[in-house]
Amino acid sequence: MGTGDPAALARDKAFLGREFLTWLWYRCEVDGGEFDLRDGPVAVLFNDYVSLVSQDGESKEESIVRRASAHRSPEARTALLSGKVVSLAKLEIARGDREWRATVVGESLDLRSVKTPPENDETREENKEARFVAKVEAYEELAAILDGLYGRFLDVRLAPEWEEREAPAMGEWIRARAAATARIAVAPSTH
């Protein structure tokens, strides 16, 4: 590989992060959001914001859903069916009794608006520097969890089973979600 423009390389590989978030959404729904990582189990939940863009990332068309359980909305289902993938998602991630909330950017896997677990009583009583260190450590723990989830995705994505099983299963999941939306849309009113 030559010495190319790092920004161009990042843009060329951005599809993988969007594909990761879409796969994570799929796995959360079919597996209940539980993942066994090297450092222990974690739970993932999609929250009240999801943004979807066209697969190629070139189109300016974006579908943004802001509401409780945004990922379960008819708008999100329709966007998936039209070939869009997740470009931004607000997630809740838990390990044991520690919980984080953060927005994950698909193109770069950057974390935004991170809310770390609340401080325990001991940390609250410590000085400002110790509280800062605890926040940084919590942020680093969240980044490590996200790295672990991404590693799980890459294990699946780079295996031959991706084309044979995982991608077709995701396609079926998308079609089933769209069919459920269509059934809801044509259901007779009970009023």
N, C-alpha and C. Protein backbone atom coordinates (compact mmCIF):
# COMPACT_ATOMS: atom_id res chain seq x y z
N MET A 1 0.84 -1.17 0.00
CA MET A 1 0.00 0.00 0.00
C MET A 1 0.88 1.22 0.00
N GLY A 2 0.60 2.16 -0.88
CA GLY A 2 1.41 3.36 -1.00
C GLY A 2 1.11 4.36 0.08
N THR A 3 1.87 5.44 0.07
CA THR A 3 1.64 6.49 1.06
C THR A 3 0.64 7.47 0.47
N GLY A 4 -0.61 7.21 0.69
CA GLY A 4 -1.68 8.05 0.18
C GLY A 4 -2.10 9.08 1.21
N ASP A 5 -3.08 9.83 0.83
CA ASP A 5 -3.66 10.83 1.70
C ASP A 5 -4.44 10.12 2.82
N PRO A 6 -4.07 10.32 4.09
CA PRO A 6 -4.77 9.64 5.19
C PRO A 6 -6.27 9.97 5.23
N ALA A 7 -6.63 11.21 4.90
CA ALA A 7 -8.05 11.58 4.90
C ALA A 7 -8.80 10.82 3.82
N ALA A 8 -8.20 10.66 2.65
CA ALA A 8 -8.83 9.92 1.56
C ALA A 8 -8.98 8.45 1.94
N LEU A 9 -7.96 7.89 2.58
CA LEU A 9 -8.02 6.50 3.01
C LEU A 9 -9.15 6.32 4.03
N ALA A 10 -9.27 7.26 4.96
CA ALA A 10 -10.33 7.18 5.97
C ALA A 10 -11.70 7.23 5.30
N ARG A 11 -11.87 8.11 4.32
CA ARG A 11 -13.15 8.20 3.60
C ARG A 11 -13.45 6.90 2.87
N ASP A 12 -12.42 6.31 2.27
CA ASP A 12 -12.60 5.05 1.54
C ASP A 12 -13.01 3.91 2.47
N LYS A 13 -12.58 3.93 3.71
CA LYS A 13 -12.87 2.86 4.66
C LYS A 13 -14.05 3.18 5.57
N ALA A 14 -14.66 4.37 5.42
CA ALA A 14 -15.74 4.79 6.29
C ALA A 14 -16.94 3.86 6.23
N PHE A 15 -17.14 3.19 5.09
CA PHE A 15 -18.28 2.29 4.97
C PHE A 15 -18.26 1.21 6.03
N LEU A 16 -17.07 0.81 6.46
CA LEU A 16 -16.95 -0.28 7.42
C LEU A 16 -17.52 0.11 8.78
N GLY A 17 -17.31 1.34 9.20
CA GLY A 17 -17.88 1.80 10.47
C GLY A 17 -19.39 1.88 10.42
N ARG A 18 -19.92 2.35 9.29
CA ARG A 18 -21.37 2.40 9.13
C ARG A 18 -21.95 0.98 9.09
N GLU A 19 -21.26 0.09 8.42
CA GLU A 19 -21.69 -1.30 8.37
C GLU A 19 -21.65 -1.92 9.77
N PHE A 20 -20.63 -1.56 10.55
CA PHE A 20 -20.52 -2.05 11.93
C PHE A 20 -21.73 -1.63 12.75
N LEU A 21 -22.11 -0.35 12.69
CA LEU A 21 -23.25 0.11 13.49
C LEU A 21 -24.54 -0.56 13.04
N THR A 22 -24.69 -0.80 11.75
CA THR A 22 -25.88 -1.48 11.25
C THR A 22 -25.89 -2.92 11.74
N TRP A 23 -24.73 -3.59 11.69
CA TRP A 23 -24.61 -4.96 12.20
C TRP A 23 -24.89 -5.00 13.70
N LEU A 24 -24.39 -4.01 14.43
CA LEU A 24 -24.60 -3.95 15.88
C LEU A 24 -26.10 -3.85 16.17
N TRP A 25 -26.80 -3.02 15.43
CA TRP A 25 -28.25 -2.88 15.56
C TRP A 25 -28.92 -4.23 15.33
N TYR A 26 -28.54 -4.88 14.24
CA TYR A 26 -29.08 -6.20 13.91
C TYR A 26 -28.83 -7.19 15.05
N ARG A 27 -27.60 -7.28 15.51
CA ARG A 27 -27.26 -8.22 16.58
C ARG A 27 -27.97 -7.88 17.88
N CYS A 28 -28.16 -6.60 18.15
CA CYS A 28 -28.89 -6.20 19.36
C CYS A 28 -30.32 -6.72 19.31
N GLU A 29 -30.93 -6.65 18.15
CA GLU A 29 -32.32 -7.11 18.03
C GLU A 29 -32.44 -8.63 18.03
N VAL A 30 -31.54 -9.32 17.34
CA VAL A 30 -31.71 -10.77 17.26
C VAL A 30 -31.09 -11.51 18.45
N ASP A 31 -30.12 -10.90 19.11
CA ASP A 31 -29.47 -11.55 20.25
C ASP A 31 -29.79 -10.88 21.59
N GLY A 32 -30.62 -9.86 21.58
CA GLY A 32 -30.99 -9.21 22.83
C GLY A 32 -29.98 -8.19 23.34
N GLY A 33 -28.97 -7.86 22.55
CA GLY A 33 -28.02 -6.83 22.94
C GLY A 33 -26.93 -7.27 23.91
N GLU A 34 -26.79 -8.56 24.12
CA GLU A 34 -25.76 -9.09 25.02
C GLU A 34 -24.56 -9.57 24.19
N PHE A 35 -23.36 -9.14 24.58
CA PHE A 35 -22.14 -9.52 23.88
C PHE A 35 -21.11 -9.98 24.90
N ASP A 36 -20.51 -11.13 24.64
CA ASP A 36 -19.42 -11.61 25.48
C ASP A 36 -18.10 -11.16 24.86
N LEU A 37 -17.45 -10.22 25.53
CA LEU A 37 -16.17 -9.71 25.06
C LEU A 37 -15.05 -10.29 25.92
N ARG A 38 -13.84 -10.08 25.48
CA ARG A 38 -12.67 -10.61 26.19
C ARG A 38 -12.64 -10.17 27.65
N ASP A 39 -13.05 -8.91 27.91
CA ASP A 39 -13.01 -8.37 29.27
C ASP A 39 -14.31 -8.59 30.04
N GLY A 40 -15.20 -9.39 29.49
CA GLY A 40 -16.46 -9.68 30.17
C GLY A 40 -17.65 -9.26 29.35
N PRO A 41 -18.84 -9.66 29.80
CA PRO A 41 -20.05 -9.37 29.04
C PRO A 41 -20.43 -7.89 29.10
N VAL A 42 -21.04 -7.43 28.01
CA VAL A 42 -21.59 -6.07 27.96
C VAL A 42 -22.98 -6.15 27.33
N ALA A 43 -23.78 -5.15 27.64
CA ALA A 43 -25.11 -5.03 27.05
C ALA A 43 -25.14 -3.72 26.26
N VAL A 44 -25.76 -3.77 25.09
CA VAL A 44 -25.85 -2.60 24.21
C VAL A 44 -27.32 -2.37 23.88
N LEU A 45 -27.71 -1.11 23.92
CA LEU A 45 -29.08 -0.72 23.59
C LEU A 45 -29.03 0.52 22.72
N PHE A 46 -29.74 0.48 21.60
CA PHE A 46 -29.88 1.69 20.78
C PHE A 46 -30.88 2.59 21.48
N ASN A 47 -30.57 3.89 21.53
CA ASN A 47 -31.37 4.82 22.30
C ASN A 47 -32.30 5.63 21.41
N ASP A 48 -32.38 6.93 21.63
CA ASP A 48 -33.40 7.78 21.00
C ASP A 48 -32.93 8.57 19.78
N TYR A 49 -31.84 8.15 19.16
CA TYR A 49 -31.36 8.87 17.98
C TYR A 49 -30.63 7.90 17.06
N VAL A 50 -31.01 7.88 15.81
CA VAL A 50 -30.28 7.11 14.80
C VAL A 50 -30.35 7.88 13.48
N SER A 51 -29.21 7.96 12.82
CA SER A 51 -29.11 8.61 11.51
C SER A 51 -28.65 7.57 10.51
N LEU A 52 -29.34 7.51 9.37
CA LEU A 52 -29.00 6.55 8.33
C LEU A 52 -28.71 7.29 7.04
N VAL A 53 -27.72 6.79 6.29
CA VAL A 53 -27.33 7.39 5.01
C VAL A 53 -27.23 6.28 3.97
N SER A 54 -27.15 6.70 2.72
CA SER A 54 -27.02 5.71 1.65
C SER A 54 -25.73 4.92 1.83
N GLN A 55 -25.72 3.72 1.33
CA GLN A 55 -24.60 2.80 1.49
C GLN A 55 -23.29 3.38 0.98
N ASP A 56 -23.33 4.11 -0.12
CA ASP A 56 -22.09 4.66 -0.69
C ASP A 56 -21.60 5.88 0.06
N GLY A 57 -22.43 6.49 0.89
CA GLY A 57 -22.03 7.65 1.67
C GLY A 57 -21.92 8.92 0.84
N GLU A 58 -22.13 8.82 -0.46
CA GLU A 58 -22.01 9.98 -1.34
C GLU A 58 -23.28 10.81 -1.36
N SER A 59 -24.41 10.16 -1.24
CA SER A 59 -25.69 10.85 -1.33
C SER A 59 -25.88 11.78 -0.15
N LYS A 60 -26.52 12.90 -0.41
CA LYS A 60 -26.81 13.85 0.65
C LYS A 60 -28.07 13.44 1.42
N GLU A 61 -28.75 12.42 0.93
CA GLU A 61 -29.99 11.99 1.56
C GLU A 61 -29.69 11.29 2.88
N GLU A 62 -30.32 11.78 3.93
CA GLU A 62 -30.11 11.24 5.26
C GLU A 62 -31.47 11.08 5.93
N SER A 63 -31.64 10.01 6.66
CA SER A 63 -32.85 9.80 7.44
C SER A 63 -32.46 9.87 8.91
N ILE A 64 -33.05 10.81 9.61
CA ILE A 64 -32.76 11.00 11.04
C ILE A 64 -34.03 10.71 11.81
N VAL A 65 -33.91 9.86 12.82
CA VAL A 65 -35.04 9.53 13.66
C VAL A 65 -34.67 9.88 15.10
N ARG A 66 -35.48 10.75 15.68
CA ARG A 66 -35.29 11.17 17.08
C ARG A 66 -36.57 10.87 17.83
N ARG A 67 -36.54 9.85 18.64
CA ARG A 67 -37.67 9.49 19.49
C ARG A 67 -37.26 8.29 20.32
N ALA A 68 -38.01 8.01 21.34
CA ALA A 68 -37.73 6.82 22.15
C ALA A 68 -37.73 5.61 21.23
N SER A 69 -36.78 4.75 21.40
CA SER A 69 -36.63 3.55 20.57
C SER A 69 -36.64 3.90 19.08
N ALA A 70 -35.83 4.88 18.72
CA ALA A 70 -35.77 5.36 17.32
C ALA A 70 -35.51 4.22 16.35
N HIS A 71 -34.69 3.27 16.75
CA HIS A 71 -34.33 2.17 15.86
C HIS A 71 -35.52 1.25 15.54
N ARG A 72 -36.59 1.36 16.31
CA ARG A 72 -37.76 0.51 16.08
C ARG A 72 -38.85 1.24 15.29
N SER A 73 -38.59 2.46 14.89
CA SER A 73 -39.60 3.26 14.22
C SER A 73 -39.81 2.82 12.77
N PRO A 74 -41.00 3.09 12.22
CA PRO A 74 -41.25 2.79 10.81
C PRO A 74 -40.28 3.55 9.89
N GLU A 75 -39.91 4.77 10.28
CA GLU A 75 -38.98 5.55 9.46
C GLU A 75 -37.61 4.87 9.36
N ALA A 76 -37.15 4.34 10.47
CA ALA A 76 -35.86 3.64 10.47
C ALA A 76 -35.95 2.36 9.65
N ARG A 77 -37.05 1.65 9.76
CA ARG A 77 -37.25 0.43 8.99
C ARG A 77 -37.26 0.72 7.49
N THR A 78 -37.95 1.78 7.12
CA THR A 78 -38.02 2.17 5.71
C THR A 78 -36.64 2.56 5.18
N ALA A 79 -35.89 3.30 5.99
CA ALA A 79 -34.54 3.71 5.58
C ALA A 79 -33.65 2.49 5.36
N LEU A 80 -33.73 1.51 6.25
CA LEU A 80 -32.95 0.28 6.07
C LEU A 80 -33.34 -0.43 4.78
N LEU A 81 -34.64 -0.54 4.54
CA LEU A 81 -35.12 -1.23 3.36
C LEU A 81 -34.65 -0.53 2.08
N SER A 82 -34.50 0.77 2.13
CA SER A 82 -34.05 1.51 0.95
C SER A 82 -32.53 1.42 0.75
N GLY A 83 -31.86 0.65 1.61
CA GLY A 83 -30.42 0.44 1.44
C GLY A 83 -29.55 1.34 2.29
N LYS A 84 -30.15 2.11 3.17
CA LYS A 84 -29.35 2.99 4.02
C LYS A 84 -28.74 2.20 5.17
N VAL A 85 -27.64 2.73 5.69
CA VAL A 85 -26.93 2.14 6.82
C VAL A 85 -26.77 3.21 7.91
N VAL A 86 -26.48 2.77 9.11
CA VAL A 86 -26.38 3.68 10.25
C VAL A 86 -25.10 4.49 10.16
N SER A 87 -25.25 5.81 10.22
CA SER A 87 -24.07 6.67 10.21
C SER A 87 -23.81 7.28 11.58
N LEU A 88 -24.81 7.31 12.42
CA LEU A 88 -24.68 7.90 13.75
C LEU A 88 -25.75 7.27 14.63
N ALA A 89 -25.38 6.88 15.84
CA ALA A 89 -26.36 6.28 16.74
C ALA A 89 -26.04 6.61 18.17
N LYS A 90 -27.08 6.89 18.93
CA LYS A 90 -26.92 7.08 20.37
C LYS A 90 -27.11 5.72 21.02
N LEU A 91 -26.12 5.31 21.78
CA LEU A 91 -26.14 3.98 22.41
C LEU A 91 -26.07 4.09 23.92
N GLU A 92 -26.62 3.09 24.57
CA GLU A 92 -26.40 2.86 26.00
C GLU A 92 -25.62 1.57 26.09
N ILE A 93 -24.54 1.60 26.85
CA ILE A 93 -23.69 0.42 26.99
C ILE A 93 -23.49 0.17 28.48
N ALA A 94 -23.65 -1.08 28.89
CA ALA A 94 -23.51 -1.42 30.31
C ALA A 94 -22.57 -2.60 30.47
N ARG A 95 -21.76 -2.51 31.50
CA ARG A 95 -20.92 -3.63 31.94
C ARG A 95 -21.10 -3.72 33.44
N GLY A 96 -21.71 -4.81 33.88
CA GLY A 96 -22.01 -4.92 35.30
C GLY A 96 -22.95 -3.80 35.71
N ASP A 97 -22.60 -3.08 36.77
CA ASP A 97 -23.44 -1.97 37.22
C ASP A 97 -22.99 -0.62 36.67
N ARG A 98 -22.05 -0.64 35.74
CA ARG A 98 -21.56 0.61 35.12
C ARG A 98 -22.25 0.83 33.78
N GLU A 99 -22.76 2.04 33.58
CA GLU A 99 -23.48 2.35 32.36
C GLU A 99 -22.95 3.63 31.73
N TRP A 100 -22.87 3.61 30.40
CA TRP A 100 -22.44 4.76 29.61
C TRP A 100 -23.53 5.09 28.62
N ARG A 101 -23.57 6.35 28.21
CA ARG A 101 -24.38 6.79 27.07
C ARG A 101 -23.45 7.58 26.18
N ALA A 102 -23.54 7.32 24.89
CA ALA A 102 -22.67 8.03 23.95
C ALA A 102 -23.27 7.94 22.55
N THR A 103 -22.92 8.92 21.75
CA THR A 103 -23.25 8.89 20.34
C THR A 103 -22.02 8.40 19.60
N VAL A 104 -22.19 7.40 18.75
CA VAL A 104 -21.07 6.82 18.00
C VAL A 104 -21.21 7.24 16.54
N VAL A 105 -20.11 7.77 15.99
CA VAL A 105 -20.06 8.20 14.60
C VAL A 105 -19.55 7.02 13.77
N GLY A 106 -20.36 6.55 12.85
CA GLY A 106 -20.01 5.37 12.06
C GLY A 106 -18.76 5.52 11.22
N GLU A 107 -18.59 6.66 10.58
CA GLU A 107 -17.46 6.84 9.67
C GLU A 107 -16.11 6.74 10.36
N SER A 108 -16.05 7.18 11.62
CA SER A 108 -14.76 7.23 12.32
C SER A 108 -14.75 6.45 13.63
N LEU A 109 -15.91 6.02 14.07
CA LEU A 109 -16.11 5.39 15.38
C LEU A 109 -15.75 6.34 16.52
N ASP A 110 -15.79 7.63 16.25
CA ASP A 110 -15.58 8.62 17.31
C ASP A 110 -16.77 8.57 18.26
N LEU A 111 -16.48 8.94 19.50
CA LEU A 111 -17.51 9.03 20.52
C LEU A 111 -17.84 10.49 20.77
N ARG A 112 -19.13 10.81 20.83
CA ARG A 112 -19.59 12.16 21.13
C ARG A 112 -20.57 12.11 22.28
N SER A 113 -20.69 13.23 22.96
CA SER A 113 -21.68 13.37 24.04
C SER A 113 -21.63 12.19 25.01
N VAL A 114 -20.44 11.86 25.46
CA VAL A 114 -20.27 10.71 26.34
C VAL A 114 -20.72 11.05 27.75
N LYS A 115 -21.56 10.19 28.29
CA LYS A 115 -21.96 10.29 29.69
C LYS A 115 -21.40 9.05 30.38
N THR A 116 -20.47 9.27 31.29
CA THR A 116 -19.82 8.16 31.98
C THR A 116 -20.66 7.73 33.19
N PRO A 117 -20.34 6.55 33.74
CA PRO A 117 -21.08 6.09 34.93
C PRO A 117 -20.96 7.11 36.05
N PRO A 118 -21.98 7.21 36.88
CA PRO A 118 -21.91 8.16 38.00
C PRO A 118 -20.76 7.82 38.93
N GLU A 119 -20.25 8.85 39.56
CA GLU A 119 -19.15 8.65 40.52
C GLU A 119 -19.68 7.93 41.75
N ASN A 120 -18.83 7.10 42.30
CA ASN A 120 -19.23 6.47 43.56
C ASN A 120 -18.95 7.45 44.71
N ASP A 121 -19.43 7.12 45.90
CA ASP A 121 -19.29 8.03 47.04
C ASP A 121 -17.84 8.34 47.35
N GLU A 122 -16.97 7.34 47.22
CA GLU A 122 -15.55 7.54 47.50
C GLU A 122 -14.93 8.54 46.53
N THR A 123 -15.25 8.42 45.24
CA THR A 123 -14.70 9.32 44.23
C THR A 123 -15.23 10.73 44.43
N ARG A 124 -16.51 10.86 44.80
CA ARG A 124 -17.11 12.18 45.00
C ARG A 124 -16.38 12.96 46.09
N GLU A 125 -15.90 12.25 47.08
CA GLU A 125 -15.24 12.91 48.20
C GLU A 125 -13.78 13.24 47.89
N GLU A 126 -13.21 12.66 46.86
CA GLU A 126 -11.82 12.93 46.51
C GLU A 126 -11.70 14.29 45.85
N ASN A 127 -10.47 14.70 45.64
CA ASN A 127 -10.24 16.01 45.04
C ASN A 127 -10.62 16.04 43.57
N LYS A 128 -10.61 17.23 43.01
CA LYS A 128 -11.02 17.45 41.63
C LYS A 128 -10.16 16.65 40.66
N GLU A 129 -8.88 16.56 40.91
CA GLU A 129 -7.97 15.82 40.03
C GLU A 129 -8.32 14.34 40.01
N ALA A 130 -8.62 13.76 41.16
CA ALA A 130 -8.98 12.35 41.22
C ALA A 130 -10.29 12.09 40.48
N ARG A 131 -11.24 13.02 40.57
CA ARG A 131 -12.51 12.86 39.85
C ARG A 131 -12.27 12.93 38.35
N PHE A 132 -11.36 13.83 37.93
CA PHE A 132 -11.03 13.93 36.50
C PHE A 132 -10.41 12.62 36.00
N VAL A 133 -9.50 12.07 36.78
CA VAL A 133 -8.84 10.81 36.41
C VAL A 133 -9.89 9.69 36.31
N ALA A 134 -10.85 9.67 37.23
CA ALA A 134 -11.90 8.64 37.19
C ALA A 134 -12.74 8.78 35.92
N LYS A 135 -13.04 10.02 35.52
CA LYS A 135 -13.80 10.25 34.27
C LYS A 135 -13.02 9.77 33.06
N VAL A 136 -11.72 10.08 33.02
CA VAL A 136 -10.89 9.66 31.89
C VAL A 136 -10.83 8.14 31.83
N GLU A 137 -10.67 7.50 32.98
CA GLU A 137 -10.62 6.04 33.01
C GLU A 137 -11.94 5.43 32.53
N ALA A 138 -13.06 6.04 32.91
CA ALA A 138 -14.36 5.55 32.47
C ALA A 138 -14.51 5.72 30.95
N TYR A 139 -14.02 6.84 30.43
CA TYR A 139 -14.06 7.07 28.98
C TYR A 139 -13.20 6.03 28.26
N GLU A 140 -12.01 5.78 28.79
CA GLU A 140 -11.12 4.78 28.19
C GLU A 140 -11.74 3.38 28.24
N GLU A 141 -12.47 3.08 29.31
CA GLU A 141 -13.14 1.78 29.41
C GLU A 141 -14.22 1.67 28.32
N LEU A 142 -14.97 2.75 28.11
CA LEU A 142 -15.97 2.75 27.06
C LEU A 142 -15.32 2.56 25.69
N ALA A 143 -14.22 3.25 25.44
CA ALA A 143 -13.52 3.11 24.16
C ALA A 143 -13.04 1.67 23.97
N ALA A 144 -12.57 1.04 25.04
CA ALA A 144 -12.12 -0.36 24.95
C ALA A 144 -13.30 -1.29 24.65
N ILE A 145 -14.45 -1.00 25.25
CA ILE A 145 -15.65 -1.81 24.97
C ILE A 145 -16.03 -1.67 23.50
N LEU A 146 -16.04 -0.45 23.01
CA LEU A 146 -16.37 -0.22 21.59
C LEU A 146 -15.36 -0.93 20.69
N ASP A 147 -14.08 -0.87 21.05
CA ASP A 147 -13.05 -1.60 20.29
C ASP A 147 -13.34 -3.10 20.29
N GLY A 148 -13.76 -3.63 21.44
CA GLY A 148 -14.09 -5.05 21.53
C GLY A 148 -15.28 -5.42 20.66
N LEU A 149 -16.30 -4.57 20.64
CA LEU A 149 -17.46 -4.81 19.78
C LEU A 149 -17.07 -4.75 18.32
N TYR A 150 -16.23 -3.78 17.98
CA TYR A 150 -15.78 -3.65 16.59
C TYR A 150 -14.93 -4.86 16.20
N GLY A 151 -14.11 -5.34 17.12
CA GLY A 151 -13.32 -6.55 16.87
C GLY A 151 -14.20 -7.76 16.59
N ARG A 152 -15.29 -7.88 17.36
CA ARG A 152 -16.24 -8.97 17.12
C ARG A 152 -16.84 -8.86 15.72
N PHE A 153 -17.21 -7.62 15.35
CA PHE A 153 -17.76 -7.38 14.02
C PHE A 153 -16.75 -7.78 12.95
N LEU A 154 -15.50 -7.35 13.10
CA LEU A 154 -14.48 -7.66 12.08
C LEU A 154 -14.26 -9.16 11.97
N ASP A 155 -14.30 -9.87 13.11
CA ASP A 155 -14.17 -11.33 13.06
C ASP A 155 -15.24 -11.94 12.16
N VAL A 156 -16.46 -11.44 12.29
CA VAL A 156 -17.57 -11.94 11.48
C VAL A 156 -17.45 -11.44 10.04
N ARG A 157 -17.15 -10.16 9.90
CA ARG A 157 -17.14 -9.52 8.58
C ARG A 157 -16.07 -10.10 7.66
N LEU A 158 -14.93 -10.48 8.22
CA LEU A 158 -13.82 -10.96 7.41
C LEU A 158 -13.83 -12.48 7.19
N ALA A 159 -14.80 -13.15 7.79
CA ALA A 159 -14.90 -14.60 7.64
C ALA A 159 -15.76 -14.93 6.42
N PRO A 160 -15.55 -16.11 5.83
CA PRO A 160 -16.36 -16.52 4.68
C PRO A 160 -17.86 -16.58 5.02
N GLU A 161 -18.18 -16.80 6.28
CA GLU A 161 -19.57 -16.90 6.69
C GLU A 161 -20.33 -15.59 6.50
N TRP A 162 -19.61 -14.47 6.35
CA TRP A 162 -20.28 -13.18 6.16
C TRP A 162 -21.20 -13.26 4.93
N GLU A 163 -20.62 -13.66 3.80
CA GLU A 163 -21.39 -13.71 2.56
C GLU A 163 -22.37 -14.88 2.55
N GLU A 164 -22.00 -15.96 3.24
CA GLU A 164 -22.83 -17.16 3.22
C GLU A 164 -24.03 -17.08 4.17
N ARG A 165 -23.80 -16.47 5.36
CA ARG A 165 -24.86 -16.49 6.37
C ARG A 165 -25.22 -15.12 6.93
N GLU A 166 -24.23 -14.39 7.41
CA GLU A 166 -24.52 -13.16 8.16
C GLU A 166 -25.19 -12.09 7.29
N ALA A 167 -24.62 -11.77 6.15
CA ALA A 167 -25.21 -10.74 5.27
C ALA A 167 -26.61 -11.15 4.81
N PRO A 168 -26.83 -12.41 4.38
CA PRO A 168 -28.20 -12.80 4.02
C PRO A 168 -29.17 -12.72 5.20
N ALA A 169 -28.70 -13.09 6.39
CA ALA A 169 -29.56 -13.01 7.58
C ALA A 169 -29.91 -11.56 7.91
N MET A 170 -28.95 -10.66 7.74
CA MET A 170 -29.23 -9.24 7.95
C MET A 170 -30.25 -8.75 6.93
N GLY A 171 -30.11 -9.17 5.69
CA GLY A 171 -31.07 -8.80 4.66
C GLY A 171 -32.47 -9.28 4.99
N GLU A 172 -32.57 -10.49 5.47
CA GLU A 172 -33.87 -11.04 5.86
C GLU A 172 -34.45 -10.25 7.05
N TRP A 173 -33.60 -9.89 8.00
CA TRP A 173 -34.02 -9.08 9.15
C TRP A 173 -34.60 -7.74 8.66
N ILE A 174 -33.92 -7.12 7.72
CA ILE A 174 -34.38 -5.84 7.18
C ILE A 174 -35.73 -6.01 6.49
N ARG A 175 -35.85 -7.04 5.67
CA ARG A 175 -37.12 -7.28 4.95
C ARG A 175 -38.25 -7.59 5.94
N ALA A 176 -37.95 -8.37 6.98
CA ALA A 176 -38.98 -8.72 7.97
C ALA A 176 -39.43 -7.47 8.73
N ARG A 177 -38.51 -6.59 9.04
CA ARG A 177 -38.87 -5.34 9.74
C ARG A 177 -39.74 -4.48 8.84
N ALA A 178 -39.39 -4.42 7.56
CA ALA A 178 -40.18 -3.62 6.62
C ALA A 178 -41.58 -4.21 6.46
N ALA A 179 -41.67 -5.54 6.39
CA ALA A 179 -42.97 -6.20 6.26
C ALA A 179 -43.83 -5.91 7.49
N ALA A 180 -43.22 -5.90 8.67
CA ALA A 180 -43.96 -5.60 9.89
C ALA A 180 -44.48 -4.17 9.84
N THR A 181 -43.69 -3.26 9.33
CA THR A 181 -44.12 -1.87 9.19
C THR A 181 -45.29 -1.77 8.23
N ALA A 182 -45.21 -2.50 7.11
CA ALA A 182 -46.29 -2.47 6.12
C ALA A 182 -47.58 -3.03 6.72
N ARG A 183 -47.49 -4.09 7.51
CA ARG A 183 -48.69 -4.67 8.15
C ARG A 183 -49.32 -3.66 9.10
N ILE A 184 -48.50 -2.94 9.84
CA ILE A 184 -49.01 -1.93 10.78
C ILE A 184 -49.70 -0.81 10.00
N ALA A 185 -49.11 -0.41 8.87
CA ALA A 185 -49.64 0.70 8.09
C ALA A 185 -51.01 0.37 7.48
N VAL A 186 -51.25 -0.90 7.13
CA VAL A 186 -52.51 -1.25 6.49
C VAL A 186 -53.51 -1.88 7.45
N ALA A 187 -53.17 -2.00 8.72
CA ALA A 187 -54.08 -2.59 9.69
C ALA A 187 -55.32 -1.69 9.84
N PRO A 188 -56.49 -2.29 9.89
CA PRO A 188 -57.71 -1.49 10.03
C PRO A 188 -57.75 -0.80 11.38
N SER A 189 -58.32 0.36 11.39
CA SER A 189 -58.45 1.15 12.61
C SER A 189 -59.51 0.51 13.50
N THR A 190 -59.30 0.56 14.79
CA THR A 190 -60.27 -0.01 15.74
C THR A 190 -61.16 1.07 16.31
N HIS A 191 -61.10 2.26 15.76
CA HIS A 191 -61.94 3.37 16.28
C HIS A 191 -63.30 3.35 15.68
